[in-house]
Amino acid sequence: MNCNVPTDIVFSFTGFAMRGGHTDTHHDGWGIAFFEGAGVRHFVDHQAAIASPIAELIKRYPIKSTNVIAHIRKATQGKVMLENCHPFVR
């Protein structure tokens, strides 16, 4: 997501997380990164987004950002583990 003013992502992320094991087969991990001012937050989890406690935190956290990148993983290579949750490296 890219916006010209800080925008709340709770609604969008909630729908996005559903694709991580509920409405789609991408259940092998997920990640999200976003700017808050000059700082960056980065979360990844090897669990399906639909069942992840970290995803639940993100759904409840009032994120307002102009730049957000999120990804849900369907493993085609590599084991389902934290180190393979991509595409983020800080």
C-alpha atoms as a PDB file:
ATOM      1  CA  MET A   1       0.000   0.000   0.000  1.00  0.00           C
ATOM      2  CA  ASN A   2       1.292   3.427  -0.852  1.00  0.00           C
ATOM      3  CA  CYS A   3      -0.646   6.555   0.170  1.00  0.00           C
ATOM      4  CA  ASN A   4      -0.031  10.293   0.196  1.00  0.00           C
ATOM      5  CA  VAL A   5      -1.275  10.611   3.823  1.00  0.00           C
ATOM      6  CA  PRO A   6      -0.900   8.151   6.720  1.00  0.00           C
ATOM      7  CA  THR A   7      -3.719   5.626   6.310  1.00  0.00           C
ATOM      8  CA  ASP A   8      -5.137   2.981   8.667  1.00  0.00           C
ATOM      9  CA  ILE A   9      -4.481  -0.563   7.414  1.00  0.00           C
ATOM     10  CA  VAL A  10      -6.625  -2.535   9.903  1.00  0.00           C
ATOM     11  CA  PHE A  11      -9.415  -3.219   7.400  1.00  0.00           C
ATOM     12  CA  SER A  12      -7.067  -4.113   4.545  1.00  0.00           C
ATOM     13  CA  PHE A  13      -4.814  -6.299   6.694  1.00  0.00           C
ATOM     14  CA  THR A  14      -7.780  -8.190   8.144  1.00  0.00           C
ATOM     15  CA  GLY A  15      -8.879  -9.221   4.637  1.00  0.00           C
ATOM     16  CA  PHE A  16      -5.293  -9.925   3.644  1.00  0.00           C
ATOM     17  CA  ALA A  17      -4.774 -12.248   6.655  1.00  0.00           C
ATOM     18  CA  MET A  18      -7.852 -14.265   5.667  1.00  0.00           C
ATOM     19  CA  ARG A  19      -5.982 -15.291   2.491  1.00  0.00           C
ATOM     20  CA  GLY A  20      -3.312 -16.819   4.736  1.00  0.00           C
ATOM     21  CA  GLY A  21      -5.059 -20.122   5.343  1.00  0.00           C
ATOM     22  CA  HIS A  22      -8.793 -19.388   5.303  1.00  0.00           C
ATOM     23  CA  THR A  23      -9.857 -18.155   1.855  1.00  0.00           C
ATOM     24  CA  ASP A  24      -6.670 -19.227   0.048  1.00  0.00           C
ATOM     25  CA  THR A  25      -3.896 -21.820   0.335  1.00  0.00           C
ATOM     26  CA  HIS A  26      -1.076 -19.431   1.240  1.00  0.00           C
ATOM     27  CA  HIS A  27      -0.642 -20.766   4.771  1.00  0.00           C
ATOM     28  CA  ASP A  28       3.138 -21.139   5.096  1.00  0.00           C
ATOM     29  CA  GLY A  29       3.983 -17.866   6.820  1.00  0.00           C
ATOM     30  CA  TRP A  30       3.589 -14.173   6.271  1.00  0.00           C
ATOM     31  CA  GLY A  31       5.285 -10.836   6.841  1.00  0.00           C
ATOM     32  CA  ILE A  32       4.573  -7.120   6.984  1.00  0.00           C
ATOM     33  CA  ALA A  33       6.766  -4.034   7.116  1.00  0.00           C
ATOM     34  CA  PHE A  34       5.713  -0.405   7.376  1.00  0.00           C
ATOM     35  CA  PHE A  35       7.034   3.012   8.211  1.00  0.00           C
ATOM     36  CA  GLU A  36       5.822   5.022  11.177  1.00  0.00           C
ATOM     37  CA  GLY A  37       7.364   8.414  10.621  1.00  0.00           C
ATOM     38  CA  ALA A  38      11.103   7.821  10.167  1.00  0.00           C
ATOM     39  CA  GLY A  39      10.941   4.457  11.985  1.00  0.00           C
ATOM     40  CA  VAL A  40      10.145   1.066  10.516  1.00  0.00           C
ATOM     41  CA  ARG A  41       8.293  -1.889  12.015  1.00  0.00           C
ATOM     42  CA  HIS A  42       8.797  -5.386  10.663  1.00  0.00           C
ATOM     43  CA  PHE A  43       6.891  -8.532  11.664  1.00  0.00           C
ATOM     44  CA  VAL A  44       7.138 -12.072  10.269  1.00  0.00           C
ATOM     45  CA  ASP A  45       5.677 -15.392  11.382  1.00  0.00           C
ATOM     46  CA  HIS A  46       5.956 -18.942  10.059  1.00  0.00           C
ATOM     47  CA  GLN A  47       2.373 -19.697  11.109  1.00  0.00           C
ATOM     48  CA  ALA A  48      -0.566 -19.140   8.790  1.00  0.00           C
ATOM     49  CA  ALA A  49      -1.748 -15.535   9.010  1.00  0.00           C
ATOM     50  CA  ILE A  50      -5.256 -16.738   9.883  1.00  0.00           C
ATOM     51  CA  ALA A  51      -3.942 -18.452  13.059  1.00  0.00           C
ATOM     52  CA  SER A  52      -1.011 -16.203  13.963  1.00  0.00           C
ATOM     53  CA  PRO A  53      -1.061 -14.322  17.289  1.00  0.00           C
ATOM     54  CA  ILE A  54       1.225 -11.755  15.662  1.00  0.00           C
ATOM     55  CA  ALA A  55      -1.318 -11.204  12.872  1.00  0.00           C
ATOM     56  CA  GLU A  56      -3.973 -10.705  15.565  1.00  0.00           C
ATOM     57  CA  LEU A  57      -1.780  -7.986  17.093  1.00  0.00           C
ATOM     58  CA  ILE A  58      -1.458  -6.260  13.706  1.00  0.00           C
ATOM     59  CA  LYS A  59      -5.246  -6.431  13.198  1.00  0.00           C
ATOM     60  CA  ARG A  60      -5.731  -4.563  16.491  1.00  0.00           C
ATOM     61  CA  TYR A  61      -2.805  -2.144  16.217  1.00  0.00           C
ATOM     62  CA  PRO A  62      -3.922   1.221  14.788  1.00  0.00           C
ATOM     63  CA  ILE A  63      -1.239   1.348  12.100  1.00  0.00           C
ATOM     64  CA  LYS A  64      -1.222   4.538  10.084  1.00  0.00           C
ATOM     65  CA  SER A  65       1.420   4.614   7.413  1.00  0.00           C
ATOM     66  CA  THR A  66       2.075   5.901   3.932  1.00  0.00           C
ATOM     67  CA  ASN A  67       4.053   2.784   2.921  1.00  0.00           C
ATOM     68  CA  VAL A  68       3.154  -0.813   3.826  1.00  0.00           C
ATOM     69  CA  ILE A  69       4.458  -4.044   2.291  1.00  0.00           C
ATOM     70  CA  ALA A  70       2.886  -7.388   3.223  1.00  0.00           C
ATOM     71  CA  HIS A  71       3.263 -10.921   1.922  1.00  0.00           C
ATOM     72  CA  ILE A  72       1.687 -14.308   2.588  1.00  0.00           C
ATOM     73  CA  ARG A  73       3.701 -17.376   1.707  1.00  0.00           C
ATOM     74  CA  LYS A  74       2.816 -20.575  -0.083  1.00  0.00           C
ATOM     75  CA  ALA A  75       5.988 -22.637   0.209  1.00  0.00           C
ATOM     76  CA  THR A  76       7.384 -23.913  -3.069  1.00  0.00           C
ATOM     77  CA  GLN A  77      10.950 -24.169  -1.782  1.00  0.00           C
ATOM     78  CA  GLY A  78      12.393 -24.383   1.685  1.00  0.00           C
ATOM     79  CA  LYS A  79      10.827 -25.529   4.919  1.00  0.00           C
ATOM     80  CA  VAL A  80       8.011 -23.728   6.667  1.00  0.00           C
ATOM     81  CA  MET A  81      10.079 -21.870   9.239  1.00  0.00           C
ATOM     82  CA  LEU A  82      10.680 -18.318  10.369  1.00  0.00           C
ATOM     83  CA  GLU A  83      13.864 -17.833   8.348  1.00  0.00           C
ATOM     84  CA  ASN A  84      11.914 -18.519   5.126  1.00  0.00           C
ATOM     85  CA  CYS A  85       9.181 -15.950   5.764  1.00  0.00           C
ATOM     86  CA  HIS A  86       9.883 -13.360   3.160  1.00  0.00           C
ATOM     87  CA  PRO A  87      10.390 -11.009   1.417  1.00  0.00           C
ATOM     88  CA  PHE A  88      11.644  -8.827   4.249  1.00  0.00           C
ATOM     89  CA  VAL A  89      15.101  -8.144   5.540  1.00  0.00           C
ATOM     90  CA  ARG A  90      15.841  -5.073   7.576  1.00  0.00           C
END
